Amino acid sequence: MTEKGQRLETTARTADDRARTLQATASGLRPEWSRWAGVALTALLAVLAFTVQWGVVTAKLDHVEKRLDELIVEARALRAEYQAIERRVSYLEGRYNGAPDGHAGKPGP
């Protein structure tokens, strides 16, 4: 290659480097920072998505917990009602079985 060709090649490389530097400066970032900015932005979005998902799961679990508490209260009420019915049946069986022999099988007065 001739001396003139080498100077043109060097000038072209210098101009290309200046254009890249100007473009990076115009965007406000150095070329090596733009790659890390993309990584940081991706990480930030991943953390944000994880936080939102955690909130959704927590809200659903709170709803399930509330519904389970309601079911426990209903089960206790049913158990109390069942025990009351058992007491009544037991009382009636006692009256029926405890009647005098002449009145067996008939409820007492």
PDB file of N, CA and C in Angstrom:
ATOM      1  N   MET A   1       0.841  -1.157   0.000  1.00  0.00           N
ATOM      2  CA  MET A   1       0.000   0.000   0.000  1.00  0.00           C
ATOM      3  C   MET A   1       0.902   1.241   0.000  1.00  0.00           C
ATOM      4  N   THR A   2       0.452   2.237  -0.685  1.00  0.00           N
ATOM      5  CA  THR A   2       1.236   3.461  -0.786  1.00  0.00           C
ATOM      6  C   THR A   2       1.047   4.309   0.458  1.00  0.00           C
ATOM      7  N   GLU A   3       1.911   5.297   0.567  1.00  0.00           N
ATOM      8  CA  GLU A   3       1.834   6.201   1.725  1.00  0.00           C
ATOM      9  C   GLU A   3       0.529   6.971   1.722  1.00  0.00           C
ATOM     10  N   LYS A   4       0.078   7.375   0.552  1.00  0.00           N
ATOM     11  CA  LYS A   4      -1.176   8.111   0.436  1.00  0.00           C
ATOM     12  C   LYS A   4      -2.357   7.219   0.853  1.00  0.00           C
ATOM     13  N   GLY A   5      -2.328   5.946   0.469  1.00  0.00           N
ATOM     14  CA  GLY A   5      -3.391   5.007   0.837  1.00  0.00           C
ATOM     15  C   GLY A   5      -3.427   4.756   2.338  1.00  0.00           C
ATOM     16  N   GLN A   6      -2.240   4.695   2.952  1.00  0.00           N
ATOM     17  CA  GLN A   6      -2.180   4.494   4.396  1.00  0.00           C
ATOM     18  C   GLN A   6      -2.741   5.708   5.136  1.00  0.00           C
ATOM     19  N   ARG A   7      -2.417   6.905   4.649  1.00  0.00           N
ATOM     20  CA  ARG A   7      -2.954   8.115   5.289  1.00  0.00           C
ATOM     21  C   ARG A   7      -4.465   8.173   5.171  1.00  0.00           C
ATOM     22  N   LEU A   8      -5.006   7.779   4.000  1.00  0.00           N
ATOM     23  CA  LEU A   8      -6.462   7.780   3.822  1.00  0.00           C
ATOM     24  C   LEU A   8      -7.131   6.765   4.760  1.00  0.00           C
ATOM     25  N   GLU A   9      -6.517   5.610   4.914  1.00  0.00           N
ATOM     26  CA  GLU A   9      -7.063   4.582   5.796  1.00  0.00           C
ATOM     27  C   GLU A   9      -7.036   5.052   7.251  1.00  0.00           C
ATOM     28  N   THR A  10      -5.941   5.667   7.666  1.00  0.00           N
ATOM     29  CA  THR A  10      -5.822   6.189   9.027  1.00  0.00           C
ATOM     30  C   THR A  10      -6.843   7.294   9.255  1.00  0.00           C
ATOM     31  N   THR A  11      -7.002   8.160   8.278  1.00  0.00           N
ATOM     32  CA  THR A  11      -7.975   9.250   8.389  1.00  0.00           C
ATOM     33  C   THR A  11      -9.392   8.692   8.484  1.00  0.00           C
ATOM     34  N   ALA A  12      -9.674   7.660   7.702  1.00  0.00           N
ATOM     35  CA  ALA A  12     -11.009   7.053   7.737  1.00  0.00           C
ATOM     36  C   ALA A  12     -11.277   6.423   9.103  1.00  0.00           C
ATOM     37  N   ARG A  13     -10.268   5.732   9.662  1.00  0.00           N
ATOM     38  CA  ARG A  13     -10.437   5.134  10.991  1.00  0.00           C
ATOM     39  C   ARG A  13     -10.654   6.201  12.050  1.00  0.00           C
ATOM     40  N   THR A  14      -9.893   7.267  11.969  1.00  0.00           N
ATOM     41  CA  THR A  14     -10.024   8.361  12.935  1.00  0.00           C
ATOM     42  C   THR A  14     -11.408   8.988  12.834  1.00  0.00           C
ATOM     43  N   ALA A  15     -11.870   9.197  11.621  1.00  0.00           N
ATOM     44  CA  ALA A  15     -13.197   9.789  11.417  1.00  0.00           C
ATOM     45  C   ALA A  15     -14.281   8.853  11.948  1.00  0.00           C
ATOM     46  N   ASP A  16     -14.107   7.568  11.731  1.00  0.00           N
ATOM     47  CA  ASP A  16     -15.074   6.586  12.224  1.00  0.00           C
ATOM     48  C   ASP A  16     -15.104   6.565  13.755  1.00  0.00           C
ATOM     49  N   ASP A  17     -13.921   6.632  14.373  1.00  0.00           N
ATOM     50  CA  ASP A  17     -13.846   6.669  15.840  1.00  0.00           C
ATOM     51  C   ASP A  17     -14.495   7.937  16.393  1.00  0.00           C
ATOM     52  N   ARG A  18     -14.265   9.051  15.740  1.00  0.00           N
ATOM     53  CA  ARG A  18     -14.878  10.318  16.185  1.00  0.00           C
ATOM     54  C   ARG A  18     -16.399  10.257  16.058  1.00  0.00           C
ATOM     55  N   ALA A  19     -16.881   9.653  14.974  1.00  0.00           N
ATOM     56  CA  ALA A  19     -18.330   9.544  14.778  1.00  0.00           C
ATOM     57  C   ALA A  19     -18.949   8.692  15.884  1.00  0.00           C
ATOM     58  N   ARG A  20     -18.305   7.598  16.243  1.00  0.00           N
ATOM     59  CA  ARG A  20     -18.815   6.769  17.337  1.00  0.00           C
ATOM     60  C   ARG A  20     -18.807   7.523  18.655  1.00  0.00           C
ATOM     61  N   THR A  21     -17.734   8.261  18.900  1.00  0.00           N
ATOM     62  CA  THR A  21     -17.633   9.031  20.136  1.00  0.00           C
ATOM     63  C   THR A  21     -18.712  10.107  20.189  1.00  0.00           C
ATOM     64  N   LEU A  22     -18.932  10.789  19.081  1.00  0.00           N
ATOM     65  CA  LEU A  22     -19.974  11.821  19.037  1.00  0.00           C
ATOM     66  C   LEU A  22     -21.357  11.218  19.226  1.00  0.00           C
ATOM     67  N   GLN A  23     -21.594  10.079  18.616  1.00  0.00           N
ATOM     68  CA  GLN A  23     -22.895   9.418  18.752  1.00  0.00           C
ATOM     69  C   GLN A  23     -23.119   8.995  20.200  1.00  0.00           C
ATOM     70  N   ALA A  24     -22.114   8.440  20.848  1.00  0.00           N
ATOM     71  CA  ALA A  24     -22.239   8.025  22.242  1.00  0.00           C
ATOM     72  C   ALA A  24     -22.410   9.235  23.148  1.00  0.00           C
ATOM     73  N   THR A  25     -21.695  10.302  22.856  1.00  0.00           N
ATOM     74  CA  THR A  25     -21.809  11.506  23.662  1.00  0.00           C
ATOM     75  C   THR A  25     -23.184  12.138  23.482  1.00  0.00           C
ATOM     76  N   ALA A  26     -23.716  12.106  22.287  1.00  0.00           N
ATOM     77  CA  ALA A  26     -25.040  12.678  22.023  1.00  0.00           C
ATOM     78  C   ALA A  26     -26.115  11.916  22.783  1.00  0.00           C
ATOM     79  N   SER A  27     -25.963  10.619  22.939  1.00  0.00           N
ATOM     80  CA  SER A  27     -26.967   9.849  23.679  1.00  0.00           C
ATOM     81  C   SER A  27     -26.747   9.958  25.179  1.00  0.00           C
ATOM     82  N   GLY A  28     -25.626  10.554  25.583  1.00  0.00           N
ATOM     83  CA  GLY A  28     -25.369  10.755  27.003  1.00  0.00           C
ATOM     84  C   GLY A  28     -24.690   9.581  27.669  1.00  0.00           C
ATOM     85  N   LEU A  29     -24.364   8.543  26.933  1.00  0.00           N
ATOM     86  CA  LEU A  29     -23.732   7.362  27.508  1.00  0.00           C
ATOM     87  C   LEU A  29     -22.461   7.027  26.751  1.00  0.00           C
ATOM     88  N   ARG A  30     -21.544   6.489  27.459  1.00  0.00           N
ATOM     89  CA  ARG A  30     -20.374   5.942  26.784  1.00  0.00           C
ATOM     90  C   ARG A  30     -20.760   4.580  26.230  1.00  0.00           C
ATOM     91  N   PRO A  31     -20.122   4.118  25.192  1.00  0.00           N
ATOM     92  CA  PRO A  31     -20.505   2.828  24.586  1.00  0.00           C
ATOM     93  C   PRO A  31     -20.476   1.665  25.575  1.00  0.00           C
ATOM     94  N   GLU A  32     -19.487   1.594  26.467  1.00  0.00           N
ATOM     95  CA  GLU A  32     -19.424   0.476  27.404  1.00  0.00           C
ATOM     96  C   GLU A  32     -20.500   0.574  28.485  1.00  0.00           C
ATOM     97  N   TRP A  33     -20.979   1.774  28.746  1.00  0.00           N
ATOM     98  CA  TRP A  33     -22.030   1.953  29.763  1.00  0.00           C
ATOM     99  C   TRP A  33     -23.390   1.498  29.244  1.00  0.00           C
ATOM    100  N   SER A  34     -23.606   1.631  27.952  1.00  0.00           N
ATOM    101  CA  SER A  34     -24.912   1.283  27.397  1.00  0.00           C
ATOM    102  C   SER A  34     -25.215  -0.193  27.592  1.00  0.00           C
ATOM    103  N   ARG A  35     -24.191  -1.024  27.515  1.00  0.00           N
ATOM    104  CA  ARG A  35     -24.406  -2.455  27.732  1.00  0.00           C
ATOM    105  C   ARG A  35     -24.822  -2.710  29.177  1.00  0.00           C
ATOM    106  N   TRP A  36     -24.131  -2.074  30.111  1.00  0.00           N
ATOM    107  CA  TRP A  36     -24.462  -2.257  31.530  1.00  0.00           C
ATOM    108  C   TRP A  36     -25.804  -1.622  31.874  1.00  0.00           C
ATOM    109  N   ALA A  37     -26.155  -0.550  31.182  1.00  0.00           N
ATOM    110  CA  ALA A  37     -27.463   0.068  31.403  1.00  0.00           C
ATOM    111  C   ALA A  37     -28.575  -0.900  31.009  1.00  0.00           C
ATOM    112  N   GLY A  38     -28.371  -1.630  29.929  1.00  0.00           N
ATOM    113  CA  GLY A  38     -29.354  -2.634  29.509  1.00  0.00           C
ATOM    114  C   GLY A  38     -29.483  -3.757  30.520  1.00  0.00           C
ATOM    115  N   VAL A  39     -28.352  -4.200  31.049  1.00  0.00           N
ATOM    116  CA  VAL A  39     -28.376  -5.259  32.068  1.00  0.00           C
ATOM    117  C   VAL A  39     -29.088  -4.757  33.326  1.00  0.00           C
ATOM    118  N   ALA A  40     -28.780  -3.530  33.740  1.00  0.00           N
ATOM    119  CA  ALA A  40     -29.404  -2.962  34.943  1.00  0.00           C
ATOM    120  C   ALA A  40     -30.907  -2.783  34.738  1.00  0.00           C
ATOM    121  N   LEU A  41     -31.302  -2.317  33.569  1.00  0.00           N
ATOM    122  CA  LEU A  41     -32.722  -2.143  33.286  1.00  0.00           C
ATOM    123  C   LEU A  41     -33.451  -3.478  33.296  1.00  0.00           C
ATOM    124  N   THR A  42     -32.847  -4.492  32.712  1.00  0.00           N
ATOM    125  CA  THR A  42     -33.451  -5.827  32.721  1.00  0.00           C
ATOM    126  C   THR A  42     -33.596  -6.357  34.143  1.00  0.00           C
ATOM    127  N   ALA A  43     -32.558  -6.170  34.956  1.00  0.00           N
ATOM    128  CA  ALA A  43     -32.615  -6.617  36.357  1.00  0.00           C
ATOM    129  C   ALA A  43     -33.695  -5.858  37.122  1.00  0.00           C
ATOM    130  N   LEU A  44     -33.800  -4.572  36.881  1.00  0.00           N
ATOM    131  CA  LEU A  44     -34.820  -3.765  37.545  1.00  0.00           C
ATOM    132  C   LEU A  44     -36.223  -4.226  37.163  1.00  0.00           C
ATOM    133  N   LEU A  45     -36.440  -4.490  35.905  1.00  0.00           N
ATOM    134  CA  LEU A  45     -37.744  -4.980  35.454  1.00  0.00           C
ATOM    135  C   LEU A  45     -38.063  -6.354  36.047  1.00  0.00           C
ATOM    136  N   ALA A  46     -37.044  -7.213  36.171  1.00  0.00           N
ATOM    137  CA  ALA A  46     -37.259  -8.531  36.764  1.00  0.00           C
ATOM    138  C   ALA A  46     -37.639  -8.401  38.233  1.00  0.00           C
ATOM    139  N   VAL A  47     -36.980  -7.516  38.964  1.00  0.00           N
ATOM    140  CA  VAL A  47     -37.311  -7.304  40.376  1.00  0.00           C
ATOM    141  C   VAL A  47     -38.719  -6.722  40.505  1.00  0.00           C
ATOM    142  N   LEU A  48     -39.065  -5.807  39.639  1.00  0.00           N
ATOM    143  CA  LEU A  48     -40.409  -5.219  39.660  1.00  0.00           C
ATOM    144  C   LEU A  48     -41.470  -6.282  39.378  1.00  0.00           C
ATOM    145  N   ALA A  49     -41.241  -7.121  38.393  1.00  0.00           N
ATOM    146  CA  ALA A  49     -42.205  -8.186  38.069  1.00  0.00           C
ATOM    147  C   ALA A  49     -42.323  -9.168  39.227  1.00  0.00           C
ATOM    148  N   PHE A  50     -41.202  -9.492  39.848  1.00  0.00           N
ATOM    149  CA  PHE A  50     -41.227 -10.405  41.002  1.00  0.00           C
ATOM    150  C   PHE A  50     -42.027  -9.795  42.149  1.00  0.00           C
ATOM    151  N   THR A  51     -41.851  -8.506  42.386  1.00  0.00           N
ATOM    152  CA  THR A  51     -42.578  -7.823  43.463  1.00  0.00           C
ATOM    153  C   THR A  51     -44.078  -7.818  43.187  1.00  0.00           C
ATOM    154  N   VAL A  52     -44.462  -7.522  41.971  1.00  0.00           N
ATOM    155  CA  VAL A  52     -45.885  -7.513  41.614  1.00  0.00           C
ATOM    156  C   VAL A  52     -46.473  -8.912  41.776  1.00  0.00           C
ATOM    157  N   GLN A  53     -45.759  -9.917  41.295  1.00  0.00           N
ATOM    158  CA  GLN A  53     -46.251 -11.294  41.403  1.00  0.00           C
ATOM    159  C   GLN A  53     -46.382 -11.700  42.862  1.00  0.00           C
ATOM    160  N   TRP A  54     -45.426 -11.310  43.685  1.00  0.00           N
ATOM    161  CA  TRP A  54     -45.478 -11.616  45.122  1.00  0.00           C
ATOM    162  C   TRP A  54     -46.725 -10.981  45.743  1.00  0.00           C
ATOM    163  N   GLY A  55     -47.045  -9.758  45.350  1.00  0.00           N
ATOM    164  CA  GLY A  55     -48.233  -9.083  45.862  1.00  0.00           C
ATOM    165  C   GLY A  55     -49.509  -9.801  45.457  1.00  0.00           C
ATOM    166  N   VAL A  56     -49.560 -10.285  44.223  1.00  0.00           N
ATOM    167  CA  VAL A  56     -50.743 -11.010  43.750  1.00  0.00           C
ATOM    168  C   VAL A  56     -50.921 -12.304  44.538  1.00  0.00           C
ATOM    169  N   VAL A  57     -49.837 -13.045  44.716  1.00  0.00           N
ATOM    170  CA  VAL A  57     -49.910 -14.305  45.454  1.00  0.00           C
ATOM    171  C   VAL A  57     -50.315 -14.052  46.906  1.00  0.00           C
ATOM    172  N   THR A  58     -49.756 -13.026  47.515  1.00  0.00           N
ATOM    173  CA  THR A  58     -50.091 -12.698  48.899  1.00  0.00           C
ATOM    174  C   THR A  58     -51.571 -12.337  49.028  1.00  0.00           C
ATOM    175  N   ALA A  59     -52.091 -11.571  48.086  1.00  0.00           N
ATOM    176  CA  ALA A  59     -53.499 -11.193  48.126  1.00  0.00           C
ATOM    177  C   ALA A  59     -54.397 -12.425  48.006  1.00  0.00           C
ATOM    178  N   LYS A  60     -54.039 -13.336  47.123  1.00  0.00           N
ATOM    179  CA  LYS A  60     -54.844 -14.554  46.968  1.00  0.00           C
ATOM    180  C   LYS A  60     -54.775 -15.420  48.214  1.00  0.00           C
ATOM    181  N   LEU A  61     -53.609 -15.513  48.824  1.00  0.00           N
ATOM    182  CA  LEU A  61     -53.483 -16.297  50.053  1.00  0.00           C
ATOM    183  C   LEU A  61     -54.277 -15.667  51.196  1.00  0.00           C
ATOM    184  N   ASP A  62     -54.313 -14.346  51.251  1.00  0.00           N
ATOM    185  CA  ASP A  62     -55.122 -13.675  52.263  1.00  0.00           C
ATOM    186  C   ASP A  62     -56.597 -14.000  52.080  1.00  0.00           C
ATOM    187  N   HIS A  63     -57.037 -14.031  50.824  1.00  0.00           N
ATOM    188  CA  HIS A  63     -58.437 -14.368  50.542  1.00  0.00           C
ATOM    189  C   HIS A  63     -58.736 -15.810  50.967  1.00  0.00           C
ATOM    190  N   VAL A  64     -57.826 -16.724  50.683  1.00  0.00           N
ATOM    191  CA  VAL A  64     -58.018 -18.124  51.065  1.00  0.00           C
ATOM    192  C   VAL A  64     -58.057 -18.252  52.586  1.00  0.00           C
ATOM    193  N   GLU A  65     -57.172 -17.533  53.263  1.00  0.00           N
ATOM    194  CA  GLU A  65     -57.150 -17.579  54.727  1.00  0.00           C
ATOM    195  C   GLU A  65     -58.470 -17.064  55.314  1.00  0.00           C
ATOM    196  N   LYS A  66     -58.993 -15.991  54.742  1.00  0.00           N
ATOM    197  CA  LYS A  66     -60.263 -15.438  55.219  1.00  0.00           C
ATOM    198  C   LYS A  66     -61.387 -16.452  55.025  1.00  0.00           C
ATOM    199  N   ARG A  67     -61.412 -17.096  53.875  1.00  0.00           N
ATOM    200  CA  ARG A  67     -62.461 -18.080  53.601  1.00  0.00           C
ATOM    201  C   ARG A  67     -62.337 -19.287  54.534  1.00  0.00           C
ATOM    202  N   LEU A  68     -61.120 -19.733  54.823  1.00  0.00           N
ATOM    203  CA  LEU A  68     -60.931 -20.842  55.757  1.00  0.00           C
ATOM    204  C   LEU A  68     -61.398 -20.469  57.163  1.00  0.00           C
ATOM    205  N   ASP A  69     -61.146 -19.242  57.567  1.00  0.00           N
ATOM    206  CA  ASP A  69     -61.638 -18.786  58.880  1.00  0.00           C
ATOM    207  C   ASP A  69     -63.164 -18.823  58.927  1.00  0.00           C
ATOM    208  N   GLU A  70     -63.805 -18.405  57.834  1.00  0.00           N
ATOM    209  CA  GLU A  70     -65.268 -18.457  57.780  1.00  0.00           C
ATOM    210  C   GLU A  70     -65.762 -19.900  57.870  1.00  0.00           C
ATOM    211  N   LEU A  71     -65.086 -20.810  57.181  1.00  0.00           N
ATOM    212  CA  LEU A  71     -65.487 -22.218  57.224  1.00  0.00           C
ATOM    213  C   LEU A  71     -65.314 -22.806  58.625  1.00  0.00           C
ATOM    214  N   ILE A  72     -64.270 -22.403  59.332  1.00  0.00           N
ATOM    215  CA  ILE A  72     -64.063 -22.887  60.700  1.00  0.00           C
ATOM    216  C   ILE A  72     -65.187 -22.413  61.609  1.00  0.00           C
ATOM    217  N   VAL A  73     -65.582 -21.163  61.463  1.00  0.00           N
ATOM    218  CA  VAL A  73     -66.689 -20.632  62.274  1.00  0.00           C
ATOM    219  C   VAL A  73     -67.978 -21.393  61.963  1.00  0.00           C
ATOM    220  N   GLU A  74     -68.240 -21.646  60.685  1.00  0.00           N
ATOM    221  CA  GLU A  74     -69.444 -22.394  60.310  1.00  0.00           C
ATOM    222  C   GLU A  74     -69.398 -23.819  60.866  1.00  0.00           C
ATOM    223  N   ALA A  75     -68.242 -24.454  60.823  1.00  0.00           N
ATOM    224  CA  ALA A  75     -68.113 -25.814  61.348  1.00  0.00           C
ATOM    225  C   ALA A  75     -68.365 -25.844  62.850  1.00  0.00           C
ATOM    226  N   ARG A  76     -67.893 -24.846  63.579  1.00  0.00           N
ATOM    227  CA  ARG A  76     -68.146 -24.787  65.019  1.00  0.00           C
ATOM    228  C   ARG A  76     -69.628 -24.618  65.300  1.00  0.00           C
ATOM    229  N   ALA A  77     -70.291 -23.775  64.514  1.00  0.00           N
ATOM    230  CA  ALA A  77     -71.724 -23.570  64.708  1.00  0.00           C
ATOM    231  C   ALA A  77     -72.492 -24.865  64.419  1.00  0.00           C
ATOM    232  N   LEU A  78     -72.130 -25.575  63.368  1.00  0.00           N
ATOM    233  CA  LEU A  78     -72.786 -26.844  63.051  1.00  0.00           C
ATOM    234  C   LEU A  78     -72.538 -27.887  64.132  1.00  0.00           C
ATOM    235  N   ARG A  79     -71.333 -27.903  64.682  1.00  0.00           N
ATOM    236  CA  ARG A  79     -71.020 -28.850  65.750  1.00  0.00           C
ATOM    237  C   ARG A  79     -71.874 -28.564  66.989  1.00  0.00           C
ATOM    238  N   ALA A  80     -72.048 -27.290  67.321  1.00  0.00           N
ATOM    239  CA  ALA A  80     -72.877 -26.921  68.476  1.00  0.00           C
ATOM    240  C   ALA A  80     -74.335 -27.331  68.236  1.00  0.00           C
ATOM    241  N   GLU A  81     -74.807 -27.104  67.013  1.00  0.00           N
ATOM    242  CA  GLU A  81     -76.183 -27.491  66.678  1.00  0.00           C
ATOM    243  C   GLU A  81     -76.358 -29.010  66.742  1.00  0.00           C
ATOM    244  N   TYR A  82     -75.374 -29.741  66.246  1.00  0.00           N
ATOM    245  CA  TYR A  82     -75.406 -31.204  66.278  1.00  0.00           C
ATOM    246  C   TYR A  82     -75.433 -31.707  67.720  1.00  0.00           C
ATOM    247  N   GLN A  83     -74.641 -31.111  68.592  1.00  0.00           N
ATOM    248  CA  GLN A  83     -74.632 -31.515  69.998  1.00  0.00           C
ATOM    249  C   GLN A  83     -75.967 -31.223  70.666  1.00  0.00           C
ATOM    250  N   ALA A  84     -76.594 -30.105  70.312  1.00  0.00           N
ATOM    251  CA  ALA A  84     -77.907 -29.782  70.874  1.00  0.00           C
ATOM    252  C   ALA A  84     -78.947 -30.816  70.439  1.00  0.00           C
ATOM    253  N   ILE A  85     -78.908 -31.225  69.183  1.00  0.00           N
ATOM    254  CA  ILE A  85     -79.838 -32.251  68.699  1.00  0.00           C
ATOM    255  C   ILE A  85     -79.574 -33.571  69.414  1.00  0.00           C
ATOM    256  N   GLU A  86     -78.303 -33.934  69.594  1.00  0.00           N
ATOM    257  CA  GLU A  86     -77.985 -35.174  70.316  1.00  0.00           C
ATOM    258  C   GLU A  86     -78.529 -35.136  71.739  1.00  0.00           C
ATOM    259  N   ARG A  87     -78.427 -33.998  72.414  1.00  0.00           N
ATOM    260  CA  ARG A  87     -78.972 -33.890  73.779  1.00  0.00           C
ATOM    261  C   ARG A  87     -80.487 -34.102  73.781  1.00  0.00           C
ATOM    262  N   ARG A  88     -81.170 -33.509  72.819  1.00  0.00           N
ATOM    263  CA  ARG A  88     -82.622 -33.663  72.755  1.00  0.00           C
ATOM    264  C   ARG A  88     -83.002 -35.118  72.504  1.00  0.00           C
ATOM    265  N   VAL A  89     -82.299 -35.755  71.556  1.00  0.00           N
ATOM    266  CA  VAL A  89     -82.584 -37.164  71.248  1.00  0.00           C
ATOM    267  C   VAL A  89     -82.289 -38.023  72.471  1.00  0.00           C
ATOM    268  N   SER A  90     -81.212 -37.761  73.156  1.00  0.00           N
ATOM    269  CA  SER A  90     -80.860 -38.522  74.350  1.00  0.00           C
ATOM    270  C   SER A  90     -81.930 -38.355  75.429  1.00  0.00           C
ATOM    271  N   TYR A  91     -82.432 -37.133  75.598  1.00  0.00           N
ATOM    272  CA  TYR A  91     -83.488 -36.885  76.577  1.00  0.00           C
ATOM    273  C   TYR A  91     -84.747 -37.686  76.227  1.00  0.00           C
ATOM    274  N   LEU A  92     -85.100 -37.640  74.927  1.00  0.00           N
ATOM    275  CA  LEU A  92     -86.296 -38.371  74.505  1.00  0.00           C
ATOM    276  C   LEU A  92     -86.105 -39.883  74.663  1.00  0.00           C
ATOM    277  N   GLU A  93     -84.927 -40.400  74.337  1.00  0.00           N
ATOM    278  CA  GLU A  93     -84.660 -41.832  74.528  1.00  0.00           C
ATOM    279  C   GLU A  93     -84.734 -42.204  75.999  1.00  0.00           C
ATOM    280  N   GLY A  94     -84.203 -41.324  76.851  1.00  0.00           N
ATOM    281  CA  GLY A  94     -84.266 -41.582  78.292  1.00  0.00           C
ATOM    282  C   GLY A  94     -85.692 -41.624  78.794  1.00  0.00           C
ATOM    283  N   ARG A  95     -86.509 -40.736  78.346  1.00  0.00           N
ATOM    284  CA  ARG A  95     -87.913 -40.734  78.760  1.00  0.00           C
ATOM    285  C   ARG A  95     -88.620 -41.977  78.242  1.00  0.00           C
ATOM    286  N   TYR A  96     -88.307 -42.356  77.013  1.00  0.00           N
ATOM    287  CA  TYR A  96     -88.956 -43.510  76.406  1.00  0.00           C
ATOM    288  C   TYR A  96     -88.539 -44.799  77.105  1.00  0.00           C
ATOM    289  N   ASN A  97     -87.242 -44.959  77.329  1.00  0.00           N
ATOM    290  CA  ASN A  97     -86.728 -46.180  77.939  1.00  0.00           C
ATOM    291  C   ASN A  97     -86.937 -46.207  79.457  1.00  0.00           C
ATOM    292  N   GLY A  98     -87.094 -45.076  80.063  1.00  0.00           N
ATOM    293  CA  GLY A  98     -87.238 -45.030  81.518  1.00  0.00           C
ATOM    294  C   GLY A  98     -88.680 -45.071  81.975  1.00  0.00           C
ATOM    295  N   ALA A  99     -89.625 -45.312  81.097  1.00  0.00           N
ATOM    296  CA  ALA A  99     -91.046 -45.335  81.463  1.00  0.00           C
ATOM    297  C   ALA A  99     -91.351 -46.611  82.250  1.00  0.00           C
ATOM    298  N   PRO A 100     -92.370 -46.592  83.100  1.00  0.00           N
ATOM    299  CA  PRO A 100     -92.768 -47.810  83.829  1.00  0.00           C
ATOM    300  C   PRO A 100     -93.142 -48.904  82.846  1.00  0.00           C
ATOM    301  N   ASP A 101     -93.131 -50.178  83.315  1.00  0.00           N
ATOM    302  CA  ASP A 101     -93.367 -51.325  82.432  1.00  0.00           C
ATOM    303  C   ASP A 101     -94.716 -51.264  81.738  1.00  0.00           C
ATOM    304  N   GLY A 102     -95.689 -50.758  82.405  1.00  0.00           N
ATOM    305  CA  GLY A 102     -97.008 -50.686  81.790  1.00  0.00           C
ATOM    306  C   GLY A 102     -97.057 -49.693  80.645  1.00  0.00           C
ATOM    307  N   HIS A 103     -96.120 -48.817  80.631  1.00  0.00           N
ATOM    308  CA  HIS A 103     -96.137 -47.782  79.598  1.00  0.00           C
ATOM    309  C   HIS A 103     -94.960 -47.904  78.646  1.00  0.00           C
ATOM    310  N   ALA A 104     -94.339 -49.055  78.574  1.00  0.00           N
ATOM    311  CA  ALA A 104     -93.188 -49.227  77.698  1.00  0.00           C
ATOM    312  C   ALA A 104     -93.567 -48.938  76.265  1.00  0.00           C
ATOM    313  N   GLY A 105     -92.733 -48.245  75.598  1.00  0.00           N
ATOM    314  CA  GLY A 105     -92.970 -47.927  74.191  1.00  0.00           C
ATOM    315  C   GLY A 105     -93.812 -46.691  74.020  1.00  0.00           C
ATOM    316  N   LYS A 106     -94.312 -46.136  75.128  1.00  0.00           N
ATOM    317  CA  LYS A 106     -95.100 -44.905  75.029  1.00  0.00           C
ATOM    318  C   LYS A 106     -94.349 -43.794  75.748  1.00  0.00           C
ATOM    319  N   PRO A 107     -94.378 -42.606  75.238  1.00  0.00           N
ATOM    320  CA  PRO A 107     -93.721 -41.518  75.933  1.00  0.00           C
ATOM    321  C   PRO A 107     -94.414 -41.233  77.259  1.00  0.00           C
ATOM    322  N   GLY A 108     -93.648 -40.785  78.206  1.00  0.00           N
ATOM    323  CA  GLY A 108     -94.190 -40.463  79.536  1.00  0.00           C
ATOM    324  C   GLY A 108     -95.008 -39.193  79.508  1.00  0.00           C
ATOM    325  N   PRO A 109     -95.634 -38.848  80.679  1.00  0.00           N
ATOM    326  CA  PRO A 109     -96.519 -37.668  80.707  1.00  0.00           C
ATOM    327  C   PRO A 109     -95.854 -36.388  80.410  1.00  0.00           C
TER     328      PRO A 109
END
